[in-house]
Amino acid sequence: MLDTAKEWCTEPGPQRNPLRIYENAAVHRPRCAAAHPDGRHVLYGGFPGYGAAGGGLGIVDVPAGQVEMLENREIVSGQSTISLAVLPDGRVFGGTSIETPGGGISSAEEAVMYELNWPERKVIRRWVPVPGAREIAQLISGANGLLYGMTSESVFFVYDSGLQKIIHCRDLSSWGGIVRQGLLMIERKGHSFLLGLLSRALFTVNTVSMQPKLLEVLPVEATSGIACLNGDVYFGSGAELWRYRMEEEGDCFHDSL
């Protein structure tokens, strides 16, 4: 755990920052994390250790420095949580992967989403949002109980948690493959919209029509993303950091930093 209000310190002892508070092979390769709106807890998930299939879901009590680990059999047996989204009302949703990068053998055929009953720490629903997807690679919460997601095959979808169904789905694979942290909800000119990054394109999603719109074909292959600061969008391409500037009049430019 890293306390950003304190100086970085690698000396042994209680003053060390960051400080290791927990270790469990159920999440050997972390892939996602989300802060709960209770202001106290952070959830995280990922792949398990070598030879295993199915990662756990960790729940960190930050002030107490304690972690509760839910095993994959309690979440989705044999699958790993690699995306998380929490709605303002505290409802927790996760997306899974059937992959086993540590060499395990998976019997699952398609990835699922699930809803976690937060007070009881139990999964109350599991479903397949996009048939045939191997990973629900990205999830992000929006307004009015909507969740926006992306599969490992670059299929974009919108899930309505109130209606409990997918209300929009579109294949964006012509714009490239997925990158980590490729979805970001931002506000511009008083309106919220979704910004998305694929390996060959930057795109936006109108939160009313739900239609993805190509913003820019990238001059380089994006390998990681995505952050927005002072109107500029940043993404990684290998060892390079690239900036994309959205101008008020609609013009833009991109450069390598």
Foldseek 3Di string as FASTA:
>chain_A
DADPVDDADDDDDPVHGPDDLDDDQLAPDWQEKDDFLVVFKIKTWHAGAAQAFFHWIWIARVVVSDIDIGGRVQPPPRWIFREWEADNVGKIKTKTANDHVRHYDGPDQAIWMWIAPVVVRGTDDIDGQDPRFRIQNYWYDDPQQKIWTATQQGKTWIARPVVRHTPDIDRPCVQAGAARPFWDWDDDPRDIWIWGDHQFFTWIADPVVRDIDTLDGDPGGFHHYWDADPQWIWTDHVPWIKIWHQDPVGDIDMDID
